[in-house]
Amino acid sequence: MNLTDGLDGLAAGIGGIASLSIFVIGMSLGVPWVGILSIILFGVCSGFLVHNFPPARIFMGDSGSLFLGFMFAAVIMGFSGTDG
């Protein structure tokens, strides 16, 4: 996620799309905590995207984009224990 943070709205846009996809997959596989965490990530990304859309007024920076990538990795690892 850190590499996509250079353009206005790209990291938050990709994060929002990815989190909605993870939400759908998590709910269809019956892992509700993955779905809940991913819909929270969608809310965070969409709320940030409002202010980061061109012309950007705020920026995510390294700490925001690395945390977003970490959360995606942690949420996706929740699928490892399913028999999907």
PDB file of N, CA and C in Angstrom:
ATOM      1  N   MET A   1       0.821  -1.190   0.000  1.00  0.00           N
ATOM      2  CA  MET A   1       0.000   0.000   0.000  1.00  0.00           C
ATOM      3  C   MET A   1       0.868   1.257   0.000  1.00  0.00           C
ATOM      4  N   ASN A   2       2.092   1.142   0.471  1.00  0.00           N
ATOM      5  CA  ASN A   2       2.940   2.320   0.553  1.00  0.00           C
ATOM      6  C   ASN A   2       3.297   2.835  -0.842  1.00  0.00           C
ATOM      7  N   LEU A   3       3.445   1.958  -1.816  1.00  0.00           N
ATOM      8  CA  LEU A   3       3.811   2.392  -3.161  1.00  0.00           C
ATOM      9  C   LEU A   3       2.657   3.095  -3.870  1.00  0.00           C
ATOM     10  N   THR A   4       1.430   2.804  -3.500  1.00  0.00           N
ATOM     11  CA  THR A   4       0.283   3.428  -4.161  1.00  0.00           C
ATOM     12  C   THR A   4      -0.131   4.736  -3.502  1.00  0.00           C
ATOM     13  N   ASP A   5       0.598   5.147  -2.481  1.00  0.00           N
ATOM     14  CA  ASP A   5       0.222   6.348  -1.733  1.00  0.00           C
ATOM     15  C   ASP A   5       0.673   7.628  -2.427  1.00  0.00           C
ATOM     16  N   GLY A   6       1.387   7.538  -3.541  1.00  0.00           N
ATOM     17  CA  GLY A   6       1.927   8.716  -4.193  1.00  0.00           C
ATOM     18  C   GLY A   6       0.904   9.561  -4.927  1.00  0.00           C
ATOM     19  N   LEU A   7      -0.162   8.968  -5.408  1.00  0.00           N
ATOM     20  CA  LEU A   7      -1.187   9.706  -6.147  1.00  0.00           C
ATOM     21  C   LEU A   7      -2.375   9.995  -5.241  1.00  0.00           C
ATOM     22  N   ASP A   8      -3.071  11.080  -5.546  1.00  0.00           N
ATOM     23  CA  ASP A   8      -4.219  11.476  -4.727  1.00  0.00           C
ATOM     24  C   ASP A   8      -5.342  10.451  -4.834  1.00  0.00           C
ATOM     25  N   GLY A   9      -5.705   9.850  -3.732  1.00  0.00           N
ATOM     26  CA  GLY A   9      -6.844   8.956  -3.670  1.00  0.00           C
ATOM     27  C   GLY A   9      -6.586   7.532  -4.114  1.00  0.00           C
ATOM     28  N   LEU A  10      -5.382   7.196  -4.564  1.00  0.00           N
ATOM     29  CA  LEU A  10      -5.151   5.852  -5.093  1.00  0.00           C
ATOM     30  C   LEU A  10      -5.108   4.802  -3.991  1.00  0.00           C
ATOM     31  N   ALA A  11      -4.356   5.039  -2.936  1.00  0.00           N
ATOM     32  CA  ALA A  11      -4.246   4.052  -1.860  1.00  0.00           C
ATOM     33  C   ALA A  11      -5.596   3.843  -1.160  1.00  0.00           C
ATOM     34  N   ALA A  12      -6.312   4.928  -0.903  1.00  0.00           N
ATOM     35  CA  ALA A  12      -7.612   4.797  -0.243  1.00  0.00           C
ATOM     36  C   ALA A  12      -8.644   4.168  -1.176  1.00  0.00           C
ATOM     37  N   GLY A  13      -8.575   4.459  -2.462  1.00  0.00           N
ATOM     38  CA  GLY A  13      -9.502   3.853  -3.420  1.00  0.00           C
ATOM     39  C   GLY A  13      -9.281   2.363  -3.567  1.00  0.00           C
ATOM     40  N   ILE A  14      -8.023   1.959  -3.709  1.00  0.00           N
ATOM     41  CA  ILE A  14      -7.706   0.535  -3.803  1.00  0.00           C
ATOM     42  C   ILE A  14      -8.057  -0.164  -2.498  1.00  0.00           C
ATOM     43  N   GLY A  15      -7.784   0.492  -1.376  1.00  0.00           N
ATOM     44  CA  GLY A  15      -8.123  -0.080  -0.077  1.00  0.00           C
ATOM     45  C   GLY A  15      -9.616  -0.272   0.102  1.00  0.00           C
ATOM     46  N   GLY A  16     -10.409   0.677  -0.374  1.00  0.00           N
ATOM     47  CA  GLY A  16     -11.863   0.544  -0.273  1.00  0.00           C
ATOM     48  C   GLY A  16     -12.402  -0.595  -1.118  1.00  0.00           C
ATOM     49  N   ILE A  17     -11.907  -0.705  -2.339  1.00  0.00           N
ATOM     50  CA  ILE A  17     -12.349  -1.795  -3.215  1.00  0.00           C
ATOM     51  C   ILE A  17     -11.926  -3.148  -2.660  1.00  0.00           C
ATOM     52  N   ALA A  18     -10.688  -3.237  -2.179  1.00  0.00           N
ATOM     53  CA  ALA A  18     -10.196  -4.492  -1.618  1.00  0.00           C
ATOM     54  C   ALA A  18     -10.959  -4.879  -0.356  1.00  0.00           C
ATOM     55  N   SER A  19     -11.265  -3.913   0.488  1.00  0.00           N
ATOM     56  CA  SER A  19     -11.970  -4.249   1.723  1.00  0.00           C
ATOM     57  C   SER A  19     -13.407  -4.683   1.464  1.00  0.00           C
ATOM     58  N   LEU A  20     -14.057  -4.105   0.451  1.00  0.00           N
ATOM     59  CA  LEU A  20     -15.398  -4.591   0.097  1.00  0.00           C
ATOM     60  C   LEU A  20     -15.339  -6.020  -0.439  1.00  0.00           C
ATOM     61  N   SER A  21     -14.320  -6.329  -1.209  1.00  0.00           N
ATOM     62  CA  SER A  21     -14.158  -7.690  -1.726  1.00  0.00           C
ATOM     63  C   SER A  21     -13.906  -8.675  -0.588  1.00  0.00           C
ATOM     64  N   ILE A  22     -13.059  -8.285   0.354  1.00  0.00           N
ATOM     65  CA  ILE A  22     -12.782  -9.153   1.500  1.00  0.00           C
ATOM     66  C   ILE A  22     -14.039  -9.325   2.356  1.00  0.00           C
ATOM     67  N   PHE A  23     -14.848  -8.285   2.467  1.00  0.00           N
ATOM     68  CA  PHE A  23     -16.107  -8.384   3.209  1.00  0.00           C
ATOM     69  C   PHE A  23     -17.034  -9.427   2.586  1.00  0.00           C
ATOM     70  N   VAL A  24     -17.188  -9.375   1.277  1.00  0.00           N
ATOM     71  CA  VAL A  24     -18.069 -10.324   0.595  1.00  0.00           C
ATOM     72  C   VAL A  24     -17.547 -11.750   0.748  1.00  0.00           C
ATOM     73  N   ILE A  25     -16.252 -11.943   0.581  1.00  0.00           N
ATOM     74  CA  ILE A  25     -15.665 -13.276   0.707  1.00  0.00           C
ATOM     75  C   ILE A  25     -15.780 -13.775   2.142  1.00  0.00           C
ATOM     76  N   GLY A  26     -15.510 -12.906   3.104  1.00  0.00           N
ATOM     77  CA  GLY A  26     -15.588 -13.311   4.502  1.00  0.00           C
ATOM     78  C   GLY A  26     -16.986 -13.710   4.928  1.00  0.00           C
ATOM     79  N   MET A  27     -17.973 -12.960   4.485  1.00  0.00           N
ATOM     80  CA  MET A  27     -19.344 -13.304   4.857  1.00  0.00           C
ATOM     81  C   MET A  27     -19.823 -14.558   4.127  1.00  0.00           C
ATOM     82  N   SER A  28     -19.380 -14.763   2.894  1.00  0.00           N
ATOM     83  CA  SER A  28     -19.808 -15.964   2.167  1.00  0.00           C
ATOM     84  C   SER A  28     -19.138 -17.219   2.711  1.00  0.00           C
ATOM     85  N   LEU A  29     -17.928 -17.087   3.282  1.00  0.00           N
ATOM     86  CA  LEU A  29     -17.256 -18.251   3.866  1.00  0.00           C
ATOM     87  C   LEU A  29     -17.666 -18.491   5.319  1.00  0.00           C
ATOM     88  N   GLY A  30     -18.434 -17.593   5.894  1.00  0.00           N
ATOM     89  CA  GLY A  30     -18.905 -17.766   7.257  1.00  0.00           C
ATOM     90  C   GLY A  30     -17.877 -17.375   8.311  1.00  0.00           C
ATOM     91  N   VAL A  31     -17.070 -16.368   8.011  1.00  0.00           N
ATOM     92  CA  VAL A  31     -16.093 -15.859   8.982  1.00  0.00           C
ATOM     93  C   VAL A  31     -16.509 -14.422   9.293  1.00  0.00           C
ATOM     94  N   PRO A  32     -17.420 -14.243  10.246  1.00  0.00           N
ATOM     95  CA  PRO A  32     -17.997 -12.905  10.453  1.00  0.00           C
ATOM     96  C   PRO A  32     -17.010 -11.867  10.958  1.00  0.00           C
ATOM     97  N   TRP A  33     -16.011 -12.246  11.741  1.00  0.00           N
ATOM     98  CA  TRP A  33     -15.077 -11.236  12.244  1.00  0.00           C
ATOM     99  C   TRP A  33     -14.216 -10.674  11.126  1.00  0.00           C
ATOM    100  N   VAL A  34     -13.939 -11.476  10.109  1.00  0.00           N
ATOM    101  CA  VAL A  34     -13.210 -10.955   8.946  1.00  0.00           C
ATOM    102  C   VAL A  34     -14.085  -9.949   8.211  1.00  0.00           C
ATOM    103  N   GLY A  35     -15.363 -10.251   8.073  1.00  0.00           N
ATOM    104  CA  GLY A  35     -16.287  -9.332   7.422  1.00  0.00           C
ATOM    105  C   GLY A  35     -16.442  -8.029   8.191  1.00  0.00           C
ATOM    106  N   ILE A  36     -16.516  -8.125   9.505  1.00  0.00           N
ATOM    107  CA  ILE A  36     -16.678  -6.917  10.315  1.00  0.00           C
ATOM    108  C   ILE A  36     -15.442  -6.035  10.235  1.00  0.00           C
ATOM    109  N   LEU A  37     -14.259  -6.630  10.364  1.00  0.00           N
ATOM    110  CA  LEU A  37     -13.035  -5.840  10.274  1.00  0.00           C
ATOM    111  C   LEU A  37     -12.850  -5.228   8.891  1.00  0.00           C
ATOM    112  N   SER A  38     -13.221  -5.959   7.857  1.00  0.00           N
ATOM    113  CA  SER A  38     -13.040  -5.414   6.506  1.00  0.00           C
ATOM    114  C   SER A  38     -14.047  -4.304   6.212  1.00  0.00           C
ATOM    115  N   ILE A  39     -15.250  -4.373   6.757  1.00  0.00           N
ATOM    116  CA  ILE A  39     -16.196  -3.276   6.531  1.00  0.00           C
ATOM    117  C   ILE A  39     -15.790  -2.046   7.346  1.00  0.00           C
ATOM    118  N   ILE A  40     -15.123  -2.248   8.481  1.00  0.00           N
ATOM    119  CA  ILE A  40     -14.556  -1.118   9.217  1.00  0.00           C
ATOM    120  C   ILE A  40     -13.441  -0.482   8.400  1.00  0.00           C
ATOM    121  N   LEU A  41     -12.600  -1.302   7.772  1.00  0.00           N
ATOM    122  CA  LEU A  41     -11.546  -0.771   6.898  1.00  0.00           C
ATOM    123  C   LEU A  41     -12.140  -0.021   5.718  1.00  0.00           C
ATOM    124  N   PHE A  42     -13.271  -0.500   5.198  1.00  0.00           N
ATOM    125  CA  PHE A  42     -13.928   0.229   4.110  1.00  0.00           C
ATOM    126  C   PHE A  42     -14.393   1.603   4.576  1.00  0.00           C
ATOM    127  N   GLY A  43     -14.943   1.673   5.770  1.00  0.00           N
ATOM    128  CA  GLY A  43     -15.376   2.963   6.304  1.00  0.00           C
ATOM    129  C   GLY A  43     -14.218   3.917   6.511  1.00  0.00           C
ATOM    130  N   VAL A  44     -13.110   3.395   6.976  1.00  0.00           N
ATOM    131  CA  VAL A  44     -11.917   4.223   7.173  1.00  0.00           C
ATOM    132  C   VAL A  44     -11.408   4.741   5.832  1.00  0.00           C
ATOM    133  N   CYS A  45     -11.323   3.847   4.843  1.00  0.00           N
ATOM    134  CA  CYS A  45     -10.806   4.244   3.522  1.00  0.00           C
ATOM    135  C   CYS A  45     -11.740   5.230   2.827  1.00  0.00           C
ATOM    136  N   SER A  46     -13.034   4.995   2.900  1.00  0.00           N
ATOM    137  CA  SER A  46     -13.959   5.903   2.221  1.00  0.00           C
ATOM    138  C   SER A  46     -14.034   7.255   2.926  1.00  0.00           C
ATOM    139  N   GLY A  47     -13.931   7.270   4.244  1.00  0.00           N
ATOM    140  CA  GLY A  47     -13.896   8.535   4.958  1.00  0.00           C
ATOM    141  C   GLY A  47     -12.646   9.339   4.662  1.00  0.00           C
ATOM    142  N   PHE A  48     -11.533   8.647   4.512  1.00  0.00           N
ATOM    143  CA  PHE A  48     -10.290   9.329   4.166  1.00  0.00           C
ATOM    144  C   PHE A  48     -10.292   9.771   2.710  1.00  0.00           C
ATOM    145  N   LEU A  49     -10.924   8.994   1.848  1.00  0.00           N
ATOM    146  CA  LEU A  49     -10.938   9.302   0.416  1.00  0.00           C
ATOM    147  C   LEU A  49     -11.663  10.609   0.124  1.00  0.00           C
ATOM    148  N   VAL A  50     -12.632  10.961   0.930  1.00  0.00           N
ATOM    149  CA  VAL A  50     -13.356  12.221   0.741  1.00  0.00           C
ATOM    150  C   VAL A  50     -12.398  13.403   0.806  1.00  0.00           C
ATOM    151  N   HIS A  51     -11.438  13.342   1.724  1.00  0.00           N
ATOM    152  CA  HIS A  51     -10.496  14.447   1.901  1.00  0.00           C
ATOM    153  C   HIS A  51      -9.238  14.297   1.060  1.00  0.00           C
ATOM    154  N   ASN A  52      -8.995  13.108   0.499  1.00  0.00           N
ATOM    155  CA  ASN A  52      -7.770  12.871  -0.250  1.00  0.00           C
ATOM    156  C   ASN A  52      -8.002  12.873  -1.751  1.00  0.00           C
ATOM    157  N   PHE A  53      -9.243  13.027  -2.194  1.00  0.00           N
ATOM    158  CA  PHE A  53      -9.538  13.058  -3.624  1.00  0.00           C
ATOM    159  C   PHE A  53      -8.989  14.358  -4.209  1.00  0.00           C
ATOM    160  N   PRO A  54      -8.519  14.351  -5.451  1.00  0.00           N
ATOM    161  CA  PRO A  54      -7.892  15.564  -6.014  1.00  0.00           C
ATOM    162  C   PRO A  54      -8.820  16.766  -5.975  1.00  0.00           C
ATOM    163  N   PRO A  55      -8.407  17.920  -5.590  1.00  0.00           N
ATOM    164  CA  PRO A  55      -7.108  18.259  -5.000  1.00  0.00           C
ATOM    165  C   PRO A  55      -7.061  17.831  -3.538  1.00  0.00           C
ATOM    166  N   ALA A  56      -6.024  17.111  -3.186  1.00  0.00           N
ATOM    167  CA  ALA A  56      -5.908  16.531  -1.848  1.00  0.00           C
ATOM    168  C   ALA A  56      -5.652  17.598  -0.796  1.00  0.00           C
ATOM    169  N   ARG A  57      -6.357  17.468   0.328  1.00  0.00           N
ATOM    170  CA  ARG A  57      -6.157  18.387   1.455  1.00  0.00           C
ATOM    171  C   ARG A  57      -5.356  17.734   2.568  1.00  0.00           C
ATOM    172  N   ILE A  58      -5.469  16.408   2.701  1.00  0.00           N
ATOM    173  CA  ILE A  58      -4.669  15.684   3.684  1.00  0.00           C
ATOM    174  C   ILE A  58      -4.020  14.501   2.992  1.00  0.00           C
ATOM    175  N   PHE A  59      -2.971  13.967   3.579  1.00  0.00           N
ATOM    176  CA  PHE A  59      -2.238  12.857   2.985  1.00  0.00           C
ATOM    177  C   PHE A  59      -2.071  11.742   4.007  1.00  0.00           C
ATOM    178  N   MET A  60      -2.007  10.509   3.536  1.00  0.00           N
ATOM    179  CA  MET A  60      -1.921   9.349   4.396  1.00  0.00           C
ATOM    180  C   MET A  60      -0.519   9.209   4.993  1.00  0.00           C
ATOM    181  N   GLY A  61       0.493   9.358   4.189  1.00  0.00           N
ATOM    182  CA  GLY A  61       1.866   9.233   4.668  1.00  0.00           C
ATOM    183  C   GLY A  61       2.273   7.790   4.853  1.00  0.00           C
ATOM    184  N   ASP A  62       3.500   7.611   5.315  1.00  0.00           N
ATOM    185  CA  ASP A  62       4.030   6.257   5.496  1.00  0.00           C
ATOM    186  C   ASP A  62       3.304   5.502   6.601  1.00  0.00           C
ATOM    187  N   SER A  63       3.033   6.158   7.694  1.00  0.00           N
ATOM    188  CA  SER A  63       2.410   5.443   8.810  1.00  0.00           C
ATOM    189  C   SER A  63       0.988   5.006   8.470  1.00  0.00           C
ATOM    190  N   GLY A  64       0.257   5.807   7.734  1.00  0.00           N
ATOM    191  CA  GLY A  64      -1.100   5.424   7.354  1.00  0.00           C
ATOM    192  C   GLY A  64      -1.137   4.314   6.322  1.00  0.00           C
ATOM    193  N   SER A  65      -0.298   4.401   5.304  1.00  0.00           N
ATOM    194  CA  SER A  65      -0.327   3.388   4.255  1.00  0.00           C
ATOM    195  C   SER A  65       0.244   2.060   4.734  1.00  0.00           C
ATOM    196  N   LEU A  66       1.285   2.106   5.571  1.00  0.00           N
ATOM    197  CA  LEU A  66       1.832   0.851   6.107  1.00  0.00           C
ATOM    198  C   LEU A  66       0.848   0.195   7.077  1.00  0.00           C
ATOM    199  N   PHE A  67       0.142   0.993   7.866  1.00  0.00           N
ATOM    200  CA  PHE A  67      -0.872   0.427   8.759  1.00  0.00           C
ATOM    201  C   PHE A  67      -2.020  -0.184   7.962  1.00  0.00           C
ATOM    202  N   LEU A  68      -2.416   0.457   6.873  1.00  0.00           N
ATOM    203  CA  LEU A  68      -3.483  -0.079   6.032  1.00  0.00           C
ATOM    204  C   LEU A  68      -3.064  -1.414   5.420  1.00  0.00           C
ATOM    205  N   GLY A  69      -1.841  -1.496   4.933  1.00  0.00           N
ATOM    206  CA  GLY A  69      -1.334  -2.755   4.402  1.00  0.00           C
ATOM    207  C   GLY A  69      -1.240  -3.836   5.456  1.00  0.00           C
ATOM    208  N   PHE A  70      -0.821  -3.466   6.663  1.00  0.00           N
ATOM    209  CA  PHE A  70      -0.761  -4.423   7.768  1.00  0.00           C
ATOM    210  C   PHE A  70      -2.139  -4.956   8.111  1.00  0.00           C
ATOM    211  N   MET A  71      -3.130  -4.080   8.151  1.00  0.00           N
ATOM    212  CA  MET A  71      -4.486  -4.519   8.484  1.00  0.00           C
ATOM    213  C   MET A  71      -5.047  -5.455   7.415  1.00  0.00           C
ATOM    214  N   PHE A  72      -4.753  -5.171   6.141  1.00  0.00           N
ATOM    215  CA  PHE A  72      -5.195  -6.081   5.083  1.00  0.00           C
ATOM    216  C   PHE A  72      -4.535  -7.447   5.231  1.00  0.00           C
ATOM    217  N   ALA A  73      -3.246  -7.466   5.539  1.00  0.00           N
ATOM    218  CA  ALA A  73      -2.551  -8.740   5.724  1.00  0.00           C
ATOM    219  C   ALA A  73      -3.125  -9.505   6.916  1.00  0.00           C
ATOM    220  N   ALA A  74      -3.409  -8.805   8.005  1.00  0.00           N
ATOM    221  CA  ALA A  74      -3.949  -9.463   9.196  1.00  0.00           C
ATOM    222  C   ALA A  74      -5.360  -9.994   8.960  1.00  0.00           C
ATOM    223  N   VAL A  75      -6.186  -9.231   8.255  1.00  0.00           N
ATOM    224  CA  VAL A  75      -7.556  -9.665   8.002  1.00  0.00           C
ATOM    225  C   VAL A  75      -7.572 -10.846   7.036  1.00  0.00           C
ATOM    226  N   ILE A  76      -6.738 -10.809   6.022  1.00  0.00           N
ATOM    227  CA  ILE A  76      -6.703 -11.901   5.049  1.00  0.00           C
ATOM    228  C   ILE A  76      -6.193 -13.184   5.699  1.00  0.00           C
ATOM    229  N   MET A  77      -5.295 -13.075   6.683  1.00  0.00           N
ATOM    230  CA  MET A  77      -4.819 -14.268   7.382  1.00  0.00           C
ATOM    231  C   MET A  77      -5.932 -14.942   8.175  1.00  0.00           C
ATOM    232  N   GLY A  78      -7.037 -14.247   8.392  1.00  0.00           N
ATOM    233  CA  GLY A  78      -8.177 -14.851   9.074  1.00  0.00           C
ATOM    234  C   GLY A  78      -8.844 -15.942   8.258  1.00  0.00           C
ATOM    235  N   PHE A  79      -8.581 -15.975   6.967  1.00  0.00           N
ATOM    236  CA  PHE A  79      -9.124 -17.037   6.129  1.00  0.00           C
ATOM    237  C   PHE A  79      -8.351 -18.332   6.244  1.00  0.00           C
ATOM    238  N   SER A  80      -7.211 -18.335   6.903  1.00  0.00           N
ATOM    239  CA  SER A  80      -6.356 -19.520   6.912  1.00  0.00           C
ATOM    240  C   SER A  80      -6.957 -20.682   7.687  1.00  0.00           C
ATOM    241  N   GLY A  81      -7.849 -20.414   8.603  1.00  0.00           N
ATOM    242  CA  GLY A  81      -8.431 -21.494   9.393  1.00  0.00           C
ATOM    243  C   GLY A  81      -9.771 -21.980   8.868  1.00  0.00           C
ATOM    244  N   THR A  82     -10.201 -21.515   7.697  1.00  0.00           N
ATOM    245  CA  THR A  82     -11.516 -21.911   7.185  1.00  0.00           C
ATOM    246  C   THR A  82     -11.385 -23.079   6.225  1.00  0.00           C
ATOM    247  N   ASP A  83     -12.454 -23.784   6.058  1.00  0.00           N
ATOM    248  CA  ASP A  83     -12.492 -24.889   5.104  1.00  0.00           C
ATOM    249  C   ASP A  83     -13.248 -24.479   3.849  1.00  0.00           C
ATOM    250  N   GLY A  84     -13.003 -23.258   3.373  1.00  0.00           N
ATOM    251  CA  GLY A  84     -13.726 -22.694   2.236  1.00  0.00           C
ATOM    252  C   GLY A  84     -13.368 -23.326   0.973  1.00  0.00           C
TER     253      GLY A  84
END
